[in-house]
Amino acid sequence: MELPKFKTLLLTILFFLIHVQQAFSQYHFFGYYCDQITGNYTKTSAYKKNLDVLLPKLTVQASTELFNNHSVGKGVDKAYGLYLCRGDLNEQQCHDCVDAAIVSIGEKCPVQIETIVWYEECLVRYANRSIFEYEDESLLTYSWSESNVSDAKKFDKIFSLAVDETIMEAAYNETINGFATAETNLSLFETVYIMGICTPDILGSLCERCLRVALSSMAGCCGTSRVNLAMYLPSCWLRYDSAPYIMSDGSVQPPTSPPPPTHKASNWPLPLPPPTKEAVSTGTTLSPLWVCFALWFLMTLGIPNNVMAAL
């Protein structure tokens, strides 16, 4: 291979790897559930073939809508799937997050018939039963901070009012499509950011019920005086934090602190927070060492400075 063509090929591969890394790493893996009761499918099964059609359809739909569902096939092999993106994402971000979540499903639950994967920004799930217009509170995944707020009594009073308003707004304000946020001040220098979200196919009393289950689960597992706490159920999410995480300028908010401890999805009763942190995967990653090596190699080949700057 001639050197200029080789350099062009290597540069193209490097651009691709960097862009893949950026697309996946800006969305934050949160938890997953691989149903062991329903069982597994095989690579040659009709259900697997239906999934292979279903999942790309969900990804395509995510480029135009923040929530949708779809089904493929018939009978016992019919595959039902849905995705949900946070209301502060745009369509491109929703597409990218759903794409990352589908990759994670393949890694976490490669052969399970029924699965859920949560990211902080989106959710993807599928099953061989209808999961549409169904309020599901049977399991959840959650995270918490190891530290508590400075004034728990004051926090509980202010938080209770604000979270109740957020739940009612998400459930009954049809104009916001199940996505509600709020900010409340604890002091001149302390603010709490709250988010409640439901899948838009359960708005109303079912959404309220789901979010109140999430709220009671917060108290049951960790107490509601933590600096931050999040409960993600299949049909709704409830979260609060002392740092902003809702997007306001079209970009995904980076984590403001190291990832908190988190569980994969659990059934009732909820386990108490463990004393040590668990490692949390953030999807497909590219080692910085490989990127540095590739950049060094390109420099030795004499890639122009303006091209290197674009990287």
Protein backbone atom coordinates (compact mmCIF):
# COMPACT_ATOMS: atom_id res chain seq x y z
CA MET A 1 0.00 0.00 0.00
CA GLU A 2 1.32 3.44 -0.89
CA LEU A 3 2.18 5.62 2.12
CA PRO A 4 -0.32 8.46 1.34
CA LYS A 5 -3.17 5.97 0.99
CA PHE A 6 -2.11 4.22 4.18
CA LYS A 7 -2.03 7.53 6.04
CA THR A 8 -5.52 8.40 4.74
CA LEU A 9 -6.89 5.02 5.83
CA LEU A 10 -5.34 5.30 9.29
CA LEU A 11 -6.66 8.83 9.73
CA THR A 12 -10.17 7.71 8.74
CA ILE A 13 -10.08 4.86 11.27
CA LEU A 14 -8.89 7.20 14.01
CA PHE A 15 -11.67 9.70 13.29
CA PHE A 16 -14.21 6.87 13.47
CA LEU A 17 -12.90 5.52 16.79
CA ILE A 18 -12.84 8.95 18.41
CA HIS A 19 -16.38 9.75 17.26
CA VAL A 20 -17.66 6.38 18.51
CA GLN A 21 -16.02 7.03 21.87
CA GLN A 22 -17.56 10.50 22.13
CA ALA A 23 -21.03 9.29 21.14
CA PHE A 24 -21.10 6.52 23.75
CA SER A 25 -19.28 8.10 26.67
CA GLN A 26 -21.49 11.19 26.97
CA TYR A 27 -24.43 9.02 28.08
CA HIS A 28 -24.23 7.49 31.52
CA PHE A 29 -25.01 3.81 32.10
CA PHE A 30 -27.24 3.38 35.15
CA GLY A 31 -28.52 -0.20 35.52
CA TYR A 32 -29.94 -3.27 33.85
CA TYR A 33 -32.21 -6.26 34.35
CA CYS A 34 -31.96 -9.64 32.61
CA ASP A 35 -35.06 -11.70 33.38
CA GLN A 36 -34.04 -15.24 34.28
CA ILE A 37 -37.58 -16.59 34.71
CA THR A 38 -38.75 -16.01 31.15
CA GLY A 39 -35.71 -17.85 29.87
CA ASN A 40 -33.34 -17.46 26.95
CA TYR A 41 -33.63 -17.46 23.19
CA THR A 42 -31.31 -19.14 20.72
CA LYS A 43 -29.48 -17.52 17.82
CA THR A 44 -31.65 -19.35 15.29
CA SER A 45 -35.01 -18.77 16.99
CA ALA A 46 -37.88 -16.81 15.49
CA TYR A 47 -37.80 -14.48 18.50
CA LYS A 48 -34.15 -13.59 17.80
CA LYS A 49 -35.04 -12.81 14.18
CA ASN A 50 -37.88 -10.56 15.37
CA LEU A 51 -35.50 -8.77 17.78
CA ASP A 52 -33.06 -8.19 14.93
CA VAL A 53 -35.82 -6.29 13.14
CA LEU A 54 -37.25 -4.59 16.24
CA LEU A 55 -34.14 -3.00 17.75
CA PRO A 56 -33.03 -1.11 14.61
CA LYS A 57 -36.60 0.19 14.26
CA LEU A 58 -36.45 1.61 17.78
CA THR A 59 -33.16 3.33 16.99
CA VAL A 60 -34.62 4.90 13.85
CA GLN A 61 -37.75 6.04 15.69
CA ALA A 62 -35.59 7.65 18.38
CA SER A 63 -34.24 10.09 15.81
CA THR A 64 -37.71 11.65 15.49
CA GLU A 65 -39.46 11.05 18.85
CA LEU A 66 -38.43 10.87 22.50
CA PHE A 67 -40.75 7.92 23.20
CA ASN A 68 -42.16 5.14 21.09
CA ASN A 69 -42.91 1.45 21.04
CA HIS A 70 -43.03 -1.19 18.37
CA SER A 71 -43.68 -4.91 17.95
CA VAL A 72 -42.51 -7.45 15.38
CA GLY A 73 -43.77 -10.96 14.68
CA LYS A 74 -46.74 -12.91 15.95
CA GLY A 75 -47.70 -15.51 18.52
CA VAL A 76 -45.29 -16.60 21.24
CA ASP A 77 -42.31 -15.32 19.24
CA LYS A 78 -43.63 -11.77 18.96
CA ALA A 79 -41.14 -9.18 20.25
CA TYR A 80 -42.40 -6.03 21.99
CA GLY A 81 -40.01 -3.15 22.53
CA LEU A 82 -40.00 0.46 23.67
CA TYR A 83 -37.61 3.26 24.47
CA LEU A 84 -37.89 6.43 26.53
CA CYS A 85 -35.62 9.48 26.47
CA ARG A 86 -35.55 12.29 28.98
CA GLY A 87 -37.52 15.32 27.90
CA ASP A 88 -34.46 17.58 27.87
CA LEU A 89 -32.78 15.58 25.10
CA ASN A 90 -33.18 16.49 21.46
CA GLU A 91 -33.93 13.85 18.81
CA GLN A 92 -30.30 13.30 17.83
CA GLN A 93 -29.27 12.84 21.44
CA CYS A 94 -32.19 10.46 21.97
CA HIS A 95 -31.09 8.42 18.95
CA ASP A 96 -27.50 8.23 20.22
CA CYS A 97 -28.53 7.27 23.75
CA VAL A 98 -30.93 4.57 22.53
CA ASP A 99 -28.20 3.26 20.23
CA ALA A 100 -25.79 3.07 23.20
CA ALA A 101 -28.44 1.35 25.35
CA ILE A 102 -29.08 -1.30 22.69
CA VAL A 103 -25.34 -2.03 22.55
CA SER A 104 -25.36 -2.40 26.35
CA ILE A 105 -28.29 -4.82 26.17
CA GLY A 106 -26.21 -7.04 23.91
CA GLU A 107 -23.38 -6.95 26.45
CA LYS A 108 -25.40 -7.34 29.66
CA CYS A 109 -28.25 -9.61 28.55
CA PRO A 110 -27.11 -11.29 25.32
CA VAL A 111 -29.66 -14.13 25.23
CA GLN A 112 -32.43 -13.17 27.68
CA ILE A 113 -35.95 -12.94 26.27
CA GLU A 114 -36.92 -10.02 28.51
CA THR A 115 -34.48 -7.24 29.40
CA ILE A 116 -34.27 -3.61 30.49
CA VAL A 117 -31.31 -1.26 30.29
CA TRP A 118 -31.38 2.16 31.93
CA TYR A 119 -29.09 5.06 31.18
CA GLU A 120 -29.41 8.31 33.11
CA GLU A 121 -30.74 9.80 29.88
CA CYS A 122 -32.78 6.97 28.32
CA LEU A 123 -34.30 3.51 28.69
CA VAL A 124 -34.67 0.56 26.32
CA ARG A 125 -36.61 -2.61 27.09
CA TYR A 126 -38.09 -5.56 25.24
CA ALA A 127 -40.06 -8.73 26.03
CA ASN A 128 -42.18 -11.46 24.46
CA ARG A 129 -45.29 -9.98 26.12
CA SER A 130 -47.01 -6.66 25.74
CA ILE A 131 -45.33 -3.96 27.81
CA PHE A 132 -47.31 -1.08 26.27
CA GLU A 133 -49.66 1.13 28.35
CA TYR A 134 -48.64 -0.87 31.41
CA GLU A 135 -47.45 0.64 34.69
CA ASP A 136 -44.59 -1.58 35.85
CA GLU A 137 -43.26 -1.15 39.39
CA SER A 138 -42.07 -4.73 39.84
CA LEU A 139 -38.35 -3.88 39.91
CA LEU A 140 -36.00 -0.93 39.98
CA THR A 141 -32.42 0.25 39.91
CA TYR A 142 -31.16 3.05 42.10
CA SER A 143 -28.15 5.11 43.17
CA TRP A 144 -27.37 7.29 46.16
CA SER A 145 -24.70 9.49 47.66
CA GLU A 146 -22.83 8.27 50.69
CA SER A 147 -23.23 11.64 52.41
CA ASN A 148 -26.33 13.31 53.82
CA VAL A 149 -27.47 16.92 53.64
CA SER A 150 -26.32 19.23 56.42
CA ASP A 151 -29.82 19.95 57.81
CA ALA A 152 -31.96 16.84 57.31
CA LYS A 153 -35.06 18.22 59.06
CA LYS A 154 -35.16 21.37 56.93
CA PHE A 155 -34.39 19.39 53.79
CA ASP A 156 -37.21 16.90 54.36
CA LYS A 157 -39.76 19.68 54.80
CA ILE A 158 -38.73 21.59 51.67
CA PHE A 159 -38.13 18.49 49.57
CA SER A 160 -41.50 16.93 50.42
CA LEU A 161 -43.41 19.91 49.01
CA ALA A 162 -41.26 20.22 45.90
CA VAL A 163 -41.25 16.53 44.99
CA ASP A 164 -45.02 16.29 45.43
CA GLU A 165 -45.50 19.16 42.97
CA THR A 166 -43.09 17.48 40.54
CA ILE A 167 -44.98 14.18 40.70
CA MET A 168 -48.33 15.84 40.07
CA GLU A 169 -46.89 17.91 37.22
CA ALA A 170 -45.40 14.86 35.50
CA ALA A 171 -48.59 12.83 35.90
CA TYR A 172 -51.28 15.33 34.98
CA ASN A 173 -49.79 18.14 32.86
CA GLU A 174 -50.31 16.68 29.39
CA THR A 175 -48.34 19.46 27.69
CA ILE A 176 -45.03 18.23 29.12
CA ASN A 177 -45.56 14.58 28.09
CA GLY A 178 -44.61 13.03 31.42
CA PHE A 179 -41.39 14.95 32.06
CA ALA A 180 -41.28 17.41 34.98
CA THR A 181 -38.41 19.21 36.68
CA ALA A 182 -38.16 21.55 39.64
CA GLU A 183 -35.60 23.54 41.61
CA THR A 184 -35.95 24.45 45.25
CA ASN A 185 -33.59 26.45 47.43
CA LEU A 186 -32.44 25.14 50.79
CA SER A 187 -30.37 28.23 51.49
CA LEU A 188 -28.68 31.08 49.66
CA PHE A 189 -26.02 28.69 48.38
CA GLU A 190 -27.86 25.34 48.25
CA THR A 191 -30.30 24.23 45.55
CA VAL A 192 -31.99 20.87 45.00
CA TYR A 193 -32.80 19.79 41.44
CA ILE A 194 -35.68 17.34 41.06
CA MET A 195 -36.85 15.30 38.08
CA GLY A 196 -39.91 13.09 37.64
CA ILE A 197 -40.57 11.23 34.39
CA CYS A 198 -43.09 8.61 33.22
CA THR A 199 -43.48 6.77 29.95
CA PRO A 200 -46.10 8.85 28.08
CA ASP A 201 -48.41 5.82 27.69
CA ILE A 202 -49.29 5.80 31.43
CA LEU A 203 -49.97 9.49 32.08
CA GLY A 204 -52.51 10.29 34.78
CA SER A 205 -53.15 8.21 37.88
CA LEU A 206 -50.86 5.37 36.77
CA CYS A 207 -47.94 7.78 36.39
CA GLU A 208 -48.64 9.29 39.81
CA ARG A 209 -48.79 5.83 41.38
CA CYS A 210 -45.47 4.83 39.79
CA LEU A 211 -43.67 7.97 40.95
CA ARG A 212 -45.03 7.64 44.49
CA VAL A 213 -43.76 4.06 44.58
CA ALA A 214 -40.37 5.45 43.54
CA LEU A 215 -40.57 8.07 46.30
CA SER A 216 -41.46 5.55 49.00
CA SER A 217 -38.65 3.32 47.71
CA MET A 218 -36.21 6.17 48.26
CA ALA A 219 -37.15 6.31 51.92
CA GLY A 220 -37.16 2.52 52.18
CA CYS A 221 -33.67 1.95 50.84
CA CYS A 222 -31.63 5.00 51.63
CA GLY A 223 -33.63 7.74 53.35
CA THR A 224 -34.52 10.99 51.59
CA SER A 225 -31.81 13.10 53.21
CA ARG A 226 -29.00 12.02 50.91
CA VAL A 227 -27.19 14.66 48.88
CA ASN A 228 -28.42 12.86 45.75
CA LEU A 229 -30.68 9.89 45.13
CA ALA A 230 -32.25 8.34 42.04
CA MET A 231 -34.86 5.61 41.54
CA TYR A 232 -35.40 4.22 38.05
CA LEU A 233 -38.36 1.87 37.51
CA PRO A 234 -39.45 0.41 34.16
CA SER A 235 -42.29 2.94 33.83
CA CYS A 236 -41.00 5.99 35.71
CA TRP A 237 -37.92 7.66 37.17
CA LEU A 238 -37.54 9.95 40.16
CA ARG A 239 -34.31 11.75 40.94
CA TYR A 240 -32.94 14.65 42.95
CA ASP A 241 -29.44 16.10 43.21
CA SER A 242 -27.62 19.05 44.69
CA ALA A 243 -25.95 19.69 41.31
CA PRO A 244 -27.75 20.46 38.03
CA TYR A 245 -28.03 17.58 35.57
CA ILE A 246 -30.85 18.70 33.27
CA MET A 247 -29.59 19.96 29.93
CA SER A 248 -30.17 23.62 29.12
CA ASP A 249 -27.87 24.24 26.15
CA GLY A 250 -28.28 21.10 24.05
CA SER A 251 -25.34 19.24 25.59
CA VAL A 252 -25.40 16.34 28.02
CA GLN A 253 -24.39 17.46 31.50
CA PRO A 254 -21.16 15.77 32.62
CA PRO A 255 -21.11 14.10 36.03
CA THR A 256 -20.29 16.71 38.70
CA SER A 257 -18.78 14.12 41.03
CA PRO A 258 -17.52 10.52 40.89
CA PRO A 259 -20.31 8.03 40.02
CA PRO A 260 -22.32 7.09 43.11
CA PRO A 261 -22.80 3.46 44.15
CA THR A 262 -25.43 1.77 42.02
CA HIS A 263 -27.22 -1.55 41.75
CA LYS A 264 -28.43 -3.50 38.81
CA ALA A 265 -32.21 -3.86 38.95
CA SER A 266 -33.61 -5.51 42.07
CA ASN A 267 -36.94 -7.00 43.01
CA TRP A 268 -38.65 -6.41 46.34
CA PRO A 269 -37.56 -6.16 49.06
CA LEU A 270 -34.90 -3.60 48.31
CA PRO A 271 -31.39 -4.36 49.56
CA LEU A 272 -29.76 -1.75 51.77
CA PRO A 273 -26.87 0.27 50.31
CA PRO A 274 -23.66 -1.77 50.47
CA PRO A 275 -20.63 -0.34 52.31
CA THR A 276 -18.44 -0.38 49.20
CA LYS A 277 -18.89 1.05 45.74
CA GLU A 278 -19.60 -1.13 42.74
CA ALA A 279 -17.93 -0.48 39.41
CA VAL A 280 -20.28 1.06 36.87
CA SER A 281 -19.82 0.50 33.16
CA THR A 282 -20.36 3.49 30.86
CA GLY A 283 -20.73 1.53 27.64
CA THR A 284 -18.24 1.10 24.86
CA THR A 285 -14.96 2.86 25.63
CA LEU A 286 -11.72 3.48 23.82
CA SER A 287 -8.58 3.48 25.93
CA PRO A 288 -6.85 6.89 26.00
CA LEU A 289 -3.54 5.04 25.58
CA TRP A 290 -4.65 3.76 22.18
CA VAL A 291 -5.73 7.24 21.12
CA CYS A 292 -2.40 8.72 22.21
CA PHE A 293 -0.48 6.00 20.40
CA ALA A 294 -2.47 6.55 17.22
CA LEU A 295 -1.92 10.32 17.39
CA TRP A 296 1.82 9.83 17.95
CA PHE A 297 1.99 7.42 15.03
CA LEU A 298 0.20 9.89 12.77
CA MET A 299 2.63 12.63 13.78
CA THR A 300 5.57 10.42 12.79
CA LEU A 301 3.97 10.03 9.37
CA GLY A 302 3.88 13.79 8.88
CA ILE A 303 0.15 14.54 9.16
CA PRO A 304 -0.32 18.33 8.75
CA ASN A 305 -0.80 20.34 11.94
CA ASN A 306 -4.22 21.67 10.89
CA VAL A 307 -5.51 18.10 10.53
CA MET A 308 -4.09 17.12 13.90
CA ALA A 309 -5.75 20.14 15.48
CA ALA A 310 -9.12 18.99 14.14
CA LEU A 311 -8.75 15.78 16.13
